[in-house]
All heavy atoms as atom14 arrays in JSON, in Angstrom:
{
  "sequence": "MALIKREQAGGKLVAMTGDGTNDAPALAQADVG",
  "atom14_mask": [
    [1, 1, 1, 1, 1, 1, 1, 1, 0, 0, 0, 0, 0, 0],
    [1, 1, 1, 1, 1, 0, 0, 0, 0, 0, 0, 0, 0, 0],
    [1, 1, 1, 1, 1, 1, 1, 1, 0, 0, 0, 0, 0, 0],
    [1, 1, 1, 1, 1, 1, 1, 1, 0, 0, 0, 0, 0, 0],
    [1, 1, 1, 1, 1, 1, 1, 1, 1, 0, 0, 0, 0, 0],
    [1, 1, 1, 1, 1, 1, 1, 1, 1, 1, 1, 0, 0, 0],
    [1, 1, 1, 1, 1, 1, 1, 1, 1, 0, 0, 0, 0, 0],
    [1, 1, 1, 1, 1, 1, 1, 1, 1, 0, 0, 0, 0, 0],
    [1, 1, 1, 1, 1, 0, 0, 0, 0, 0, 0, 0, 0, 0],
    [1, 1, 1, 1, 0, 0, 0, 0, 0, 0, 0, 0, 0, 0],
    [1, 1, 1, 1, 0, 0, 0, 0, 0, 0, 0, 0, 0, 0],
    [1, 1, 1, 1, 1, 1, 1, 1, 1, 0, 0, 0, 0, 0],
    [1, 1, 1, 1, 1, 1, 1, 1, 0, 0, 0, 0, 0, 0],
    [1, 1, 1, 1, 1, 1, 1, 0, 0, 0, 0, 0, 0, 0],
    [1, 1, 1, 1, 1, 0, 0, 0, 0, 0, 0, 0, 0, 0],
    [1, 1, 1, 1, 1, 1, 1, 1, 0, 0, 0, 0, 0, 0],
    [1, 1, 1, 1, 1, 1, 1, 0, 0, 0, 0, 0, 0, 0],
    [1, 1, 1, 1, 0, 0, 0, 0, 0, 0, 0, 0, 0, 0],
    [1, 1, 1, 1, 1, 1, 1, 1, 0, 0, 0, 0, 0, 0],
    [1, 1, 1, 1, 0, 0, 0, 0, 0, 0, 0, 0, 0, 0],
    [1, 1, 1, 1, 1, 1, 1, 0, 0, 0, 0, 0, 0, 0],
    [1, 1, 1, 1, 1, 1, 1, 1, 0, 0, 0, 0, 0, 0],
    [1, 1, 1, 1, 1, 1, 1, 1, 0, 0, 0, 0, 0, 0],
    [1, 1, 1, 1, 1, 0, 0, 0, 0, 0, 0, 0, 0, 0],
    [1, 1, 1, 1, 1, 1, 1, 0, 0, 0, 0, 0, 0, 0],
    [1, 1, 1, 1, 1, 0, 0, 0, 0, 0, 0, 0, 0, 0],
    [1, 1, 1, 1, 1, 1, 1, 1, 0, 0, 0, 0, 0, 0],
    [1, 1, 1, 1, 1, 0, 0, 0, 0, 0, 0, 0, 0, 0],
    [1, 1, 1, 1, 1, 1, 1, 1, 1, 0, 0, 0, 0, 0],
    [1, 1, 1, 1, 1, 0, 0, 0, 0, 0, 0, 0, 0, 0],
    [1, 1, 1, 1, 1, 1, 1, 1, 0, 0, 0, 0, 0, 0],
    [1, 1, 1, 1, 1, 1, 1, 0, 0, 0, 0, 0, 0, 0],
    [1, 1, 1, 1, 0, 0, 0, 0, 0, 0, 0, 0, 0, 0]
  ],
  "atom14_positions": [
    [[-77.17, 24.25, 42.01], [-76.03, 23.33, 42.06], [-75.12, 23.54, 40.86], [-73.89, 23.57, 41.0], [-76.54, 21.89, 42.09], [-77.05, 21.44, 43.44], [-75.69, 21.06, 44.58], [-75.08, 19.55, 43.84], [0.0, 0.0, 0.0], [0.0, 0.0, 0.0], [0.0, 0.0, 0.0], [0.0, 0.0, 0.0], [0.0, 0.0, 0.0], [0.0, 0.0, 0.0]],
    [[-75.72, 23.65, 39.68], [-74.92, 23.82, 38.46], [-74.11, 25.1, 38.51], [-72.94, 25.12, 38.1], [-75.84, 23.8, 37.24], [0.0, 0.0, 0.0], [0.0, 0.0, 0.0], [0.0, 0.0, 0.0], [0.0, 0.0, 0.0], [0.0, 0.0, 0.0], [0.0, 0.0, 0.0], [0.0, 0.0, 0.0], [0.0, 0.0, 0.0], [0.0, 0.0, 0.0]],
    [[-74.72, 26.18, 39.01], [-74.01, 27.46, 39.1], [-72.83, 27.36, 40.05], [-71.72, 27.83, 39.75], [-74.97, 28.56, 39.56], [-74.36, 29.93, 39.83], [-73.68, 30.47, 38.58], [-75.42, 30.91, 40.33], [0.0, 0.0, 0.0], [0.0, 0.0, 0.0], [0.0, 0.0, 0.0], [0.0, 0.0, 0.0], [0.0, 0.0, 0.0], [0.0, 0.0, 0.0]],
    [[-73.05, 26.73, 41.21], [-71.97, 26.59, 42.19], [-70.82, 25.77, 41.62], [-69.65, 26.12, 41.75], [-72.5, 25.95, 43.49], [-73.47, 26.91, 44.19], [-71.36, 25.58, 44.43], [-74.18, 26.3, 45.38], [0.0, 0.0, 0.0], [0.0, 0.0, 0.0], [0.0, 0.0, 0.0], [0.0, 0.0, 0.0], [0.0, 0.0, 0.0], [0.0, 0.0, 0.0]],
    [[-71.15, 24.68, 40.94], [-70.11, 23.81, 40.37], [-69.33, 24.52, 39.28], [-68.11, 24.34, 39.15], [-70.74, 22.53, 39.83], [-71.22, 21.58, 40.92], [-71.83, 20.31, 40.33], [-72.27, 19.36, 41.43], [-72.87, 18.12, 40.88], [0.0, 0.0, 0.0], [0.0, 0.0, 0.0], [0.0, 0.0, 0.0], [0.0, 0.0, 0.0], [0.0, 0.0, 0.0]],
    [[-70.01, 25.36, 38.48], [-69.3, 26.12, 37.44], [-68.3, 27.09, 38.07], [-67.17, 27.24, 37.59], [-70.3, 26.89, 36.57], [-71.03, 26.06, 35.55], [-71.63, 26.93, 34.46], [-72.49, 27.97, 34.97], [-73.8, 27.81, 35.2], [-74.37, 26.65, 34.96], [-74.54, 28.82, 35.65], [0.0, 0.0, 0.0], [0.0, 0.0, 0.0], [0.0, 0.0, 0.0]],
    [[-68.73, 27.76, 39.12], [-67.84, 28.71, 39.8], [-66.65, 27.98, 40.41], [-65.5, 28.43, 40.31], [-68.61, 29.47, 40.88], [-69.69, 30.39, 40.36], [-69.13, 31.61, 39.65], [-68.08, 32.13, 40.08], [-69.71, 32.03, 38.64], [0.0, 0.0, 0.0], [0.0, 0.0, 0.0], [0.0, 0.0, 0.0], [0.0, 0.0, 0.0], [0.0, 0.0, 0.0]],
    [[-66.91, 26.85, 41.05], [-65.84, 26.09, 41.71], [-64.88, 25.49, 40.69], [-63.69, 25.36, 40.96], [-66.44, 25.0, 42.59], [-67.16, 25.55, 43.82], [-67.9, 24.47, 44.59], [-68.33, 23.47, 44.03], [-68.07, 24.68, 45.89], [0.0, 0.0, 0.0], [0.0, 0.0, 0.0], [0.0, 0.0, 0.0], [0.0, 0.0, 0.0], [0.0, 0.0, 0.0]],
    [[-65.4, 25.14, 39.51], [-64.54, 24.59, 38.47], [-63.51, 25.62, 38.01], [-62.43, 25.26, 37.52], [-65.38, 24.11, 37.29], [0.0, 0.0, 0.0], [0.0, 0.0, 0.0], [0.0, 0.0, 0.0], [0.0, 0.0, 0.0], [0.0, 0.0, 0.0], [0.0, 0.0, 0.0], [0.0, 0.0, 0.0], [0.0, 0.0, 0.0], [0.0, 0.0, 0.0]],
    [[-63.85, 26.9, 38.18], [-62.92, 27.98, 37.82], [-61.97, 28.34, 38.95], [-61.29, 29.37, 38.87], [0.0, 0.0, 0.0], [0.0, 0.0, 0.0], [0.0, 0.0, 0.0], [0.0, 0.0, 0.0], [0.0, 0.0, 0.0], [0.0, 0.0, 0.0], [0.0, 0.0, 0.0], [0.0, 0.0, 0.0], [0.0, 0.0, 0.0], [0.0, 0.0, 0.0]],
    [[-61.94, 27.53, 40.0], [-61.03, 27.76, 41.11], [-61.53, 28.76, 42.13], [-60.76, 29.26, 42.94], [0.0, 0.0, 0.0], [0.0, 0.0, 0.0], [0.0, 0.0, 0.0], [0.0, 0.0, 0.0], [0.0, 0.0, 0.0], [0.0, 0.0, 0.0], [0.0, 0.0, 0.0], [0.0, 0.0, 0.0], [0.0, 0.0, 0.0], [0.0, 0.0, 0.0]],
    [[-62.82, 29.06, 42.12], [-63.38, 30.03, 43.04], [-64.04, 29.34, 44.23], [-64.54, 28.23, 44.11], [-64.4, 30.92, 42.33], [-63.82, 31.71, 41.16], [-64.9, 32.5, 40.45], [-64.32, 33.28, 39.26], [-65.39, 34.0, 38.52], [0.0, 0.0, 0.0], [0.0, 0.0, 0.0], [0.0, 0.0, 0.0], [0.0, 0.0, 0.0], [0.0, 0.0, 0.0]],
    [[-64.05, 30.04, 45.38], [-64.79, 29.58, 46.54], [-66.15, 30.28, 46.55], [-66.24, 31.48, 46.31], [-64.04, 29.88, 47.84], [-62.71, 29.15, 48.03], [-62.14, 29.45, 49.42], [-62.86, 27.66, 47.85], [0.0, 0.0, 0.0], [0.0, 0.0, 0.0], [0.0, 0.0, 0.0], [0.0, 0.0, 0.0], [0.0, 0.0, 0.0], [0.0, 0.0, 0.0]],
    [[-67.2, 29.52, 46.84], [-68.57, 30.02, 46.74], [-69.26, 29.96, 48.09], [-69.12, 28.99, 48.83], [-69.38, 29.18, 45.71], [-70.79, 29.72, 45.57], [-68.67, 29.18, 44.35], [0.0, 0.0, 0.0], [0.0, 0.0, 0.0], [0.0, 0.0, 0.0], [0.0, 0.0, 0.0], [0.0, 0.0, 0.0], [0.0, 0.0, 0.0], [0.0, 0.0, 0.0]],
    [[-70.02, 31.01, 48.4], [-70.83, 31.04, 49.62], [-72.28, 31.26, 49.23], [-72.58, 31.93, 48.24], [-70.37, 32.16, 50.55], [0.0, 0.0, 0.0], [0.0, 0.0, 0.0], [0.0, 0.0, 0.0], [0.0, 0.0, 0.0], [0.0, 0.0, 0.0], [0.0, 0.0, 0.0], [0.0, 0.0, 0.0], [0.0, 0.0, 0.0], [0.0, 0.0, 0.0]],
    [[-73.19, 30.67, 50.01], [-74.61, 30.9, 49.76], [-75.41, 30.7, 51.05], [-74.9, 30.13, 52.03], [-75.14, 29.97, 48.67], [-75.37, 28.54, 49.11], [-76.52, 27.68, 47.98], [-78.08, 28.48, 48.39], [0.0, 0.0, 0.0], [0.0, 0.0, 0.0], [0.0, 0.0, 0.0], [0.0, 0.0, 0.0], [0.0, 0.0, 0.0], [0.0, 0.0, 0.0]],
    [[-76.64, 31.2, 51.05], [-77.54, 31.01, 52.17], [-78.75, 30.2, 51.71], [-79.07, 30.15, 50.53], [-78.04, 32.36, 52.73], [-78.77, 33.04, 51.7], [-76.89, 33.22, 53.18], [0.0, 0.0, 0.0], [0.0, 0.0, 0.0], [0.0, 0.0, 0.0], [0.0, 0.0, 0.0], [0.0, 0.0, 0.0], [0.0, 0.0, 0.0], [0.0, 0.0, 0.0]],
    [[-79.41, 29.56, 52.68], [-80.62, 28.81, 52.35], [-81.32, 28.37, 53.61], [-80.74, 28.33, 54.7], [0.0, 0.0, 0.0], [0.0, 0.0, 0.0], [0.0, 0.0, 0.0], [0.0, 0.0, 0.0], [0.0, 0.0, 0.0], [0.0, 0.0, 0.0], [0.0, 0.0, 0.0], [0.0, 0.0, 0.0], [0.0, 0.0, 0.0], [0.0, 0.0, 0.0]],
    [[-82.61, 28.03, 53.47], [-83.36, 27.58, 54.64], [-84.28, 26.41, 54.35], [-84.83, 25.81, 55.27], [-84.18, 28.73, 55.23], [-85.15, 29.34, 54.23], [-85.23, 28.83, 53.1], [-85.84, 30.32, 54.59], [0.0, 0.0, 0.0], [0.0, 0.0, 0.0], [0.0, 0.0, 0.0], [0.0, 0.0, 0.0], [0.0, 0.0, 0.0], [0.0, 0.0, 0.0]],
    [[-84.45, 26.06, 53.08], [-85.38, 25.01, 52.73], [-84.7, 23.69, 52.41], [-83.49, 23.64, 52.16], [0.0, 0.0, 0.0], [0.0, 0.0, 0.0], [0.0, 0.0, 0.0], [0.0, 0.0, 0.0], [0.0, 0.0, 0.0], [0.0, 0.0, 0.0], [0.0, 0.0, 0.0], [0.0, 0.0, 0.0], [0.0, 0.0, 0.0], [0.0, 0.0, 0.0]],
    [[-85.49, 22.63, 52.41], [-84.96, 21.32, 52.04], [-84.42, 21.34, 50.62], [-83.42, 20.68, 50.3], [-86.06, 20.25, 52.17], [-86.52, 20.23, 53.53], [-85.55, 18.88, 51.8], [0.0, 0.0, 0.0], [0.0, 0.0, 0.0], [0.0, 0.0, 0.0], [0.0, 0.0, 0.0], [0.0, 0.0, 0.0], [0.0, 0.0, 0.0], [0.0, 0.0, 0.0]],
    [[-85.06, 22.13, 49.75], [-84.58, 22.21, 48.37], [-83.25, 22.96, 48.25], [-82.6, 22.92, 47.21], [-85.63, 22.87, 47.48], [-85.91, 24.31, 47.87], [-85.69, 24.7, 49.02], [-86.39, 25.11, 46.94], [0.0, 0.0, 0.0], [0.0, 0.0, 0.0], [0.0, 0.0, 0.0], [0.0, 0.0, 0.0], [0.0, 0.0, 0.0], [0.0, 0.0, 0.0]],
    [[-82.85, 23.66, 49.33], [-81.55, 24.35, 49.33], [-80.42, 23.44, 49.82], [-79.25, 23.79, 49.68], [-81.59, 25.59, 50.24], [-82.49, 26.68, 49.7], [-82.51, 26.85, 48.47], [-83.17, 27.34, 50.49], [0.0, 0.0, 0.0], [0.0, 0.0, 0.0], [0.0, 0.0, 0.0], [0.0, 0.0, 0.0], [0.0, 0.0, 0.0], [0.0, 0.0, 0.0]],
    [[-80.77, 22.3, 50.42], [-79.77, 21.44, 51.06], [-78.66, 20.99, 50.11], [-77.48, 21.06, 50.46], [-80.45, 20.23, 51.71], [0.0, 0.0, 0.0], [0.0, 0.0, 0.0], [0.0, 0.0, 0.0], [0.0, 0.0, 0.0], [0.0, 0.0, 0.0], [0.0, 0.0, 0.0], [0.0, 0.0, 0.0], [0.0, 0.0, 0.0], [0.0, 0.0, 0.0]],
    [[-78.97, 20.53, 48.88], [-77.87, 20.12, 47.99], [-76.89, 21.25, 47.7], [-75.67, 21.03, 47.71], [-78.61, 19.67, 46.72], [-79.98, 19.31, 47.18], [-80.29, 20.27, 48.28], [0.0, 0.0, 0.0], [0.0, 0.0, 0.0], [0.0, 0.0, 0.0], [0.0, 0.0, 0.0], [0.0, 0.0, 0.0], [0.0, 0.0, 0.0], [0.0, 0.0, 0.0]],
    [[-77.42, 22.45, 47.45], [-76.53, 23.58, 47.15], [-75.74, 24.01, 48.37], [-74.57, 24.39, 48.27], [-77.35, 24.75, 46.6], [0.0, 0.0, 0.0], [0.0, 0.0, 0.0], [0.0, 0.0, 0.0], [0.0, 0.0, 0.0], [0.0, 0.0, 0.0], [0.0, 0.0, 0.0], [0.0, 0.0, 0.0], [0.0, 0.0, 0.0], [0.0, 0.0, 0.0]],
    [[-76.36, 23.97, 49.55], [-75.64, 24.31, 50.78], [-74.49, 23.35, 51.03], [-73.41, 23.75, 51.48], [-76.6, 24.29, 51.98], [-77.59, 25.45, 52.1], [-78.63, 25.16, 53.18], [-76.86, 26.76, 52.4], [0.0, 0.0, 0.0], [0.0, 0.0, 0.0], [0.0, 0.0, 0.0], [0.0, 0.0, 0.0], [0.0, 0.0, 0.0], [0.0, 0.0, 0.0]],
    [[-74.73, 22.08, 50.74], [-73.66, 21.09, 50.93], [-72.55, 21.26, 49.91], [-71.38, 21.03, 50.21], [-74.25, 19.68, 50.83], [0.0, 0.0, 0.0], [0.0, 0.0, 0.0], [0.0, 0.0, 0.0], [0.0, 0.0, 0.0], [0.0, 0.0, 0.0], [0.0, 0.0, 0.0], [0.0, 0.0, 0.0], [0.0, 0.0, 0.0], [0.0, 0.0, 0.0]],
    [[-72.9, 21.71, 48.7], [-71.9, 21.87, 47.64], [-71.08, 23.14, 47.84], [-69.88, 23.17, 47.51], [-72.6, 21.92, 46.28], [-71.67, 22.09, 45.09], [-70.77, 20.89, 44.88], [-71.17, 19.76, 45.1], [-69.54, 21.12, 44.46], [0.0, 0.0, 0.0], [0.0, 0.0, 0.0], [0.0, 0.0, 0.0], [0.0, 0.0, 0.0], [0.0, 0.0, 0.0]],
    [[-71.69, 24.2, 48.38], [-70.99, 25.48, 48.55], [-69.85, 25.34, 49.55], [-69.9, 24.54, 50.48], [-71.97, 26.55, 49.02], [0.0, 0.0, 0.0], [0.0, 0.0, 0.0], [0.0, 0.0, 0.0], [0.0, 0.0, 0.0], [0.0, 0.0, 0.0], [0.0, 0.0, 0.0], [0.0, 0.0, 0.0], [0.0, 0.0, 0.0], [0.0, 0.0, 0.0]],
    [[-68.8, 26.12, 49.35], [-67.67, 26.11, 50.29], [-68.08, 26.69, 51.63], [-67.59, 26.26, 52.67], [-66.51, 26.91, 49.69], [-66.04, 26.32, 48.37], [-65.35, 25.29, 48.4], [-66.39, 26.88, 47.32], [0.0, 0.0, 0.0], [0.0, 0.0, 0.0], [0.0, 0.0, 0.0], [0.0, 0.0, 0.0], [0.0, 0.0, 0.0], [0.0, 0.0, 0.0]],
    [[-68.96, 27.69, 51.6], [-69.53, 28.26, 52.82], [-71.04, 28.23, 52.67], [-71.61, 29.02, 51.92], [-69.05, 29.71, 53.06], [-69.67, 30.27, 54.34], [-67.54, 29.77, 53.15], [0.0, 0.0, 0.0], [0.0, 0.0, 0.0], [0.0, 0.0, 0.0], [0.0, 0.0, 0.0], [0.0, 0.0, 0.0], [0.0, 0.0, 0.0], [0.0, 0.0, 0.0]],
    [[-71.69, 27.29, 53.34], [-73.13, 27.17, 53.27], [-73.74, 27.59, 54.59], [-73.55, 26.93, 55.61], [0.0, 0.0, 0.0], [0.0, 0.0, 0.0], [0.0, 0.0, 0.0], [0.0, 0.0, 0.0], [0.0, 0.0, 0.0], [0.0, 0.0, 0.0], [0.0, 0.0, 0.0], [0.0, 0.0, 0.0], [0.0, 0.0, 0.0], [0.0, 0.0, 0.0]]
  ]
}
């Protein structure tokens, strides 16, 4: 989550993949999850 927010704070769009419940917060935060 912290990495995604740092990238987005710099005006960048972020994409990521995930399959676990622990990935859900980051998937929701990413521009393309």
